[in-house]
Amino acid sequence: MIEVNNESDATIEEVEFAELGAFVLAEMNVAAGAELAILFVGERAMEDLHLKWMDEPGPTDVLSFPMDELRPGTPDEPTPAGLLGDVVICPPVAEVQARAAGHSAEEEMLLLATHGILHLLGYDHSDADEEREMFELQRTLLLTFLAQR
């Protein structure tokens, strides 16, 4: 089950983000019953979360809060259903990043959602090899999702 909630002032196509979540989980061989929440919040709420959980001031673009520490499965052995966790996105920060990158805020938030879901599945980018693997995977997933729309 994928739940998308918008607590920000931004206009969010919630169905699109639910579809993205379902697509990424299916591609990563996670059982359809896995629970994922994608939440959109304003700068103040994101700053509070960033300070509380990362001990860093100011709002950030995306935070991930894993729950059951599910990992990607295989086509023969999908990851069992469980509570994957929450991805929290800050649209105002995403808008600034989108302008700098030369694409839409919606595209930036879809990228951030994909990035956050991969973090929930155990991917990280703390070293060069991990970063290359994670960023290539998120790019492939997002481009494939967008191509199917």
C-alpha atoms as a PDB file:
ATOM      1  CA  MET A   1       0.000   0.000   0.000  1.00  0.00           C
ATOM      2  CA  ILE A   2       1.349   3.402  -0.949  1.00  0.00           C
ATOM      3  CA  GLU A   3       0.059   6.481   0.800  1.00  0.00           C
ATOM      4  CA  VAL A   4       0.797   9.981  -0.483  1.00  0.00           C
ATOM      5  CA  ASN A   5      -0.024  13.028   1.645  1.00  0.00           C
ATOM      6  CA  ASN A   6       0.547  16.667   0.823  1.00  0.00           C
ATOM      7  CA  GLU A   7       0.921  18.889   3.873  1.00  0.00           C
ATOM      8  CA  SER A   8       2.674  21.632   1.884  1.00  0.00           C
ATOM      9  CA  ASP A   9       1.264  24.569  -0.080  1.00  0.00           C
ATOM     10  CA  ALA A  10       2.504  23.080  -3.357  1.00  0.00           C
ATOM     11  CA  THR A  11       0.195  21.459  -5.893  1.00  0.00           C
ATOM     12  CA  ILE A  12       1.114  17.776  -5.970  1.00  0.00           C
ATOM     13  CA  GLU A  13      -0.233  15.108  -8.317  1.00  0.00           C
ATOM     14  CA  GLU A  14      -0.595  12.525  -5.554  1.00  0.00           C
ATOM     15  CA  VAL A  15      -1.678   9.738  -7.928  1.00  0.00           C
ATOM     16  CA  GLU A  16       1.508  10.168  -9.963  1.00  0.00           C
ATOM     17  CA  PHE A  17       3.674   9.738  -6.873  1.00  0.00           C
ATOM     18  CA  ALA A  18       1.684   6.683  -5.780  1.00  0.00           C
ATOM     19  CA  GLU A  19       2.191   5.210  -9.257  1.00  0.00           C
ATOM     20  CA  LEU A  20       5.914   5.998  -9.095  1.00  0.00           C
ATOM     21  CA  GLY A  21       6.168   4.301  -5.706  1.00  0.00           C
ATOM     22  CA  ALA A  22       4.357   1.208  -6.976  1.00  0.00           C
ATOM     23  CA  PHE A  23       6.583   1.121 -10.072  1.00  0.00           C
ATOM     24  CA  VAL A  24       9.848   1.417  -8.132  1.00  0.00           C
ATOM     25  CA  LEU A  25       8.808  -1.244  -5.623  1.00  0.00           C
ATOM     26  CA  ALA A  26       7.753  -3.612  -8.418  1.00  0.00           C
ATOM     27  CA  GLU A  27      11.031  -3.036 -10.282  1.00  0.00           C
ATOM     28  CA  MET A  28      12.951  -3.720  -7.063  1.00  0.00           C
ATOM     29  CA  ASN A  29      10.978  -6.934  -6.527  1.00  0.00           C
ATOM     30  CA  VAL A  30       9.268  -5.805  -3.337  1.00  0.00           C
ATOM     31  CA  ALA A  31       5.937  -7.507  -2.605  1.00  0.00           C
ATOM     32  CA  ALA A  32       2.881  -5.467  -3.564  1.00  0.00           C
ATOM     33  CA  GLY A  33       1.689  -5.425   0.054  1.00  0.00           C
ATOM     34  CA  ALA A  34       4.677  -3.422   1.292  1.00  0.00           C
ATOM     35  CA  GLU A  35       3.698  -0.163   2.968  1.00  0.00           C
ATOM     36  CA  LEU A  36       5.274   3.095   1.827  1.00  0.00           C
ATOM     37  CA  ALA A  37       4.357   6.668   2.711  1.00  0.00           C
ATOM     38  CA  ILE A  38       5.406   9.712   0.691  1.00  0.00           C
ATOM     39  CA  LEU A  39       4.823  12.987   2.488  1.00  0.00           C
ATOM     40  CA  PHE A  40       5.226  16.535   1.179  1.00  0.00           C
ATOM     41  CA  VAL A  41       5.909  19.212   3.799  1.00  0.00           C
ATOM     42  CA  GLY A  42       6.786  22.895   3.953  1.00  0.00           C
ATOM     43  CA  GLU A  43      10.179  24.332   4.805  1.00  0.00           C
ATOM     44  CA  ARG A  44       9.513  24.791   8.524  1.00  0.00           C
ATOM     45  CA  ALA A  45       8.378  21.176   9.010  1.00  0.00           C
ATOM     46  CA  MET A  46      11.328  19.877   6.967  1.00  0.00           C
ATOM     47  CA  GLU A  47      13.749  22.030   8.934  1.00  0.00           C
ATOM     48  CA  ASP A  48      12.371  20.579  12.179  1.00  0.00           C
ATOM     49  CA  LEU A  49      12.814  17.010  10.871  1.00  0.00           C
ATOM     50  CA  HIS A  50      16.284  17.763   9.514  1.00  0.00           C
ATOM     51  CA  LEU A  51      17.418  19.179  12.837  1.00  0.00           C
ATOM     52  CA  LYS A  52      15.806  16.424  14.930  1.00  0.00           C
ATOM     53  CA  TRP A  53      17.031  13.426  12.908  1.00  0.00           C
ATOM     54  CA  MET A  54      20.199  14.636  11.178  1.00  0.00           C
ATOM     55  CA  ASP A  55      21.271  17.366  13.618  1.00  0.00           C
ATOM     56  CA  GLU A  56      21.616  19.747  10.675  1.00  0.00           C
ATOM     57  CA  PRO A  57      20.006  23.199  10.461  1.00  0.00           C
ATOM     58  CA  GLY A  58      17.789  24.360   7.617  1.00  0.00           C
ATOM     59  CA  PRO A  59      15.391  22.486   5.382  1.00  0.00           C
ATOM     60  CA  THR A  60      16.641  19.762   3.068  1.00  0.00           C
ATOM     61  CA  ASP A  61      15.143  18.287  -0.092  1.00  0.00           C
ATOM     62  CA  VAL A  62      14.310  14.737   1.008  1.00  0.00           C
ATOM     63  CA  LEU A  63      14.556  12.550   4.096  1.00  0.00           C
ATOM     64  CA  SER A  64      13.940   8.815   4.349  1.00  0.00           C
ATOM     65  CA  PHE A  65      12.810   6.978   7.450  1.00  0.00           C
ATOM     66  CA  PRO A  66      13.158   3.194   7.020  1.00  0.00           C
ATOM     67  CA  MET A  67      11.068   0.924   9.222  1.00  0.00           C
ATOM     68  CA  ASP A  68      11.382  -2.835   8.633  1.00  0.00           C
ATOM     69  CA  GLU A  69      14.703  -2.526   6.753  1.00  0.00           C
ATOM     70  CA  LEU A  70      13.371  -4.316   3.685  1.00  0.00           C
ATOM     71  CA  ARG A  71      15.854  -4.936   0.881  1.00  0.00           C
ATOM     72  CA  PRO A  72      15.301  -5.522  -2.838  1.00  0.00           C
ATOM     73  CA  GLY A  73      14.224  -9.014  -3.774  1.00  0.00           C
ATOM     74  CA  THR A  74      14.610 -11.007  -6.955  1.00  0.00           C
ATOM     75  CA  PRO A  75      12.000 -12.028  -9.516  1.00  0.00           C
ATOM     76  CA  ASP A  76      11.999 -15.535  -7.992  1.00  0.00           C
ATOM     77  CA  GLU A  77      12.037 -14.322  -4.387  1.00  0.00           C
ATOM     78  CA  PRO A  78      10.380 -10.943  -3.943  1.00  0.00           C
ATOM     79  CA  THR A  79      10.883  -9.113  -0.685  1.00  0.00           C
ATOM     80  CA  PRO A  80       7.981 -10.009   1.608  1.00  0.00           C
ATOM     81  CA  ALA A  81       5.391  -7.387   2.419  1.00  0.00           C
ATOM     82  CA  GLY A  82       6.261  -5.195   5.370  1.00  0.00           C
ATOM     83  CA  LEU A  83       6.501  -1.604   6.487  1.00  0.00           C
ATOM     84  CA  LEU A  84       9.084  -0.062   4.149  1.00  0.00           C
ATOM     85  CA  GLY A  85       8.983   3.417   5.676  1.00  0.00           C
ATOM     86  CA  ASP A  86       8.436   7.089   4.912  1.00  0.00           C
ATOM     87  CA  VAL A  87       9.890   9.478   2.351  1.00  0.00           C
ATOM     88  CA  VAL A  88       9.484  13.168   3.194  1.00  0.00           C
ATOM     89  CA  ILE A  89       9.951  15.752   0.422  1.00  0.00           C
ATOM     90  CA  CYS A  90      10.112  19.539   0.707  1.00  0.00           C
ATOM     91  CA  PRO A  91       8.636  21.135  -2.472  1.00  0.00           C
ATOM     92  CA  PRO A  92      10.108  24.633  -1.885  1.00  0.00           C
ATOM     93  CA  VAL A  93      13.631  23.178  -1.721  1.00  0.00           C
ATOM     94  CA  ALA A  94      12.873  20.961  -4.724  1.00  0.00           C
ATOM     95  CA  GLU A  95      11.744  24.018  -6.716  1.00  0.00           C
ATOM     96  CA  VAL A  96      15.072  25.787  -6.126  1.00  0.00           C
ATOM     97  CA  GLN A  97      17.010  22.672  -7.132  1.00  0.00           C
ATOM     98  CA  ALA A  98      14.835  22.179 -10.220  1.00  0.00           C
ATOM     99  CA  ARG A  99      15.544  25.704 -11.455  1.00  0.00           C
ATOM    100  CA  ALA A 100      19.286  25.156 -10.961  1.00  0.00           C
ATOM    101  CA  ALA A 101      19.106  21.815 -12.809  1.00  0.00           C
ATOM    102  CA  GLY A 102      16.981  23.194 -15.639  1.00  0.00           C
ATOM    103  CA  HIS A 103      13.916  20.990 -15.224  1.00  0.00           C
ATOM    104  CA  SER A 104      10.488  21.210 -13.602  1.00  0.00           C
ATOM    105  CA  ALA A 105       9.782  21.030  -9.883  1.00  0.00           C
ATOM    106  CA  GLU A 106       7.599  17.983 -10.574  1.00  0.00           C
ATOM    107  CA  GLU A 107      10.527  16.173 -12.220  1.00  0.00           C
ATOM    108  CA  GLU A 108      12.765  17.094  -9.288  1.00  0.00           C
ATOM    109  CA  MET A 109      10.238  15.754  -6.777  1.00  0.00           C
ATOM    110  CA  LEU A 110       9.844  12.523  -8.767  1.00  0.00           C
ATOM    111  CA  LEU A 111      13.638  12.181  -8.673  1.00  0.00           C
ATOM    112  CA  LEU A 112      13.665  12.865  -4.924  1.00  0.00           C
ATOM    113  CA  ALA A 113      10.902  10.325  -4.323  1.00  0.00           C
ATOM    114  CA  THR A 114      12.836   7.677  -6.264  1.00  0.00           C
ATOM    115  CA  HIS A 115      16.000   8.595  -4.358  1.00  0.00           C
ATOM    116  CA  GLY A 116      14.178   8.364  -1.029  1.00  0.00           C
ATOM    117  CA  ILE A 117      12.660   4.976  -1.836  1.00  0.00           C
ATOM    118  CA  LEU A 118      16.089   3.613  -2.748  1.00  0.00           C
ATOM    119  CA  HIS A 119      17.378   4.814   0.624  1.00  0.00           C
ATOM    120  CA  LEU A 120      14.533   2.894   2.284  1.00  0.00           C
ATOM    121  CA  LEU A 121      15.708  -0.199   0.408  1.00  0.00           C
ATOM    122  CA  GLY A 122      19.227   0.144   1.795  1.00  0.00           C
ATOM    123  CA  TYR A 123      20.980   2.068  -0.977  1.00  0.00           C
ATOM    124  CA  ASP A 124      23.358   4.836   0.020  1.00  0.00           C
ATOM    125  CA  HIS A 125      25.879   7.191  -1.537  1.00  0.00           C
ATOM    126  CA  SER A 126      28.522   7.529   1.167  1.00  0.00           C
ATOM    127  CA  ASP A 127      31.352   6.500  -1.160  1.00  0.00           C
ATOM    128  CA  ALA A 128      31.966   6.816  -4.889  1.00  0.00           C
ATOM    129  CA  ASP A 129      31.015   3.236  -5.803  1.00  0.00           C
ATOM    130  CA  GLU A 130      27.766   3.358  -3.797  1.00  0.00           C
ATOM    131  CA  GLU A 131      26.921   6.753  -5.269  1.00  0.00           C
ATOM    132  CA  ARG A 132      27.492   5.554  -8.830  1.00  0.00           C
ATOM    133  CA  GLU A 133      25.330   2.459  -8.267  1.00  0.00           C
ATOM    134  CA  MET A 134      22.507   4.338  -6.555  1.00  0.00           C
ATOM    135  CA  PHE A 135      22.402   7.284  -8.957  1.00  0.00           C
ATOM    136  CA  GLU A 136      22.505   5.047 -12.051  1.00  0.00           C
ATOM    137  CA  LEU A 137      19.674   2.948 -10.636  1.00  0.00           C
ATOM    138  CA  GLN A 138      17.548   5.975  -9.711  1.00  0.00           C
ATOM    139  CA  ARG A 139      18.086   7.454 -13.180  1.00  0.00           C
ATOM    140  CA  THR A 140      17.105   4.189 -14.903  1.00  0.00           C
ATOM    141  CA  LEU A 141      14.028   3.744 -12.712  1.00  0.00           C
ATOM    142  CA  LEU A 142      12.830   7.312 -13.188  1.00  0.00           C
ATOM    143  CA  LEU A 143      13.435   7.414 -16.950  1.00  0.00           C
ATOM    144  CA  THR A 144      11.668   4.070 -17.396  1.00  0.00           C
ATOM    145  CA  PHE A 145       8.716   5.256 -15.302  1.00  0.00           C
ATOM    146  CA  LEU A 146       8.435   8.515 -17.259  1.00  0.00           C
ATOM    147  CA  ALA A 147       8.730   6.709 -20.599  1.00  0.00           C
ATOM    148  CA  GLN A 148       5.713   4.548 -19.710  1.00  0.00           C
ATOM    149  CA  ARG A 149       3.472   7.537 -18.994  1.00  0.00           C
END
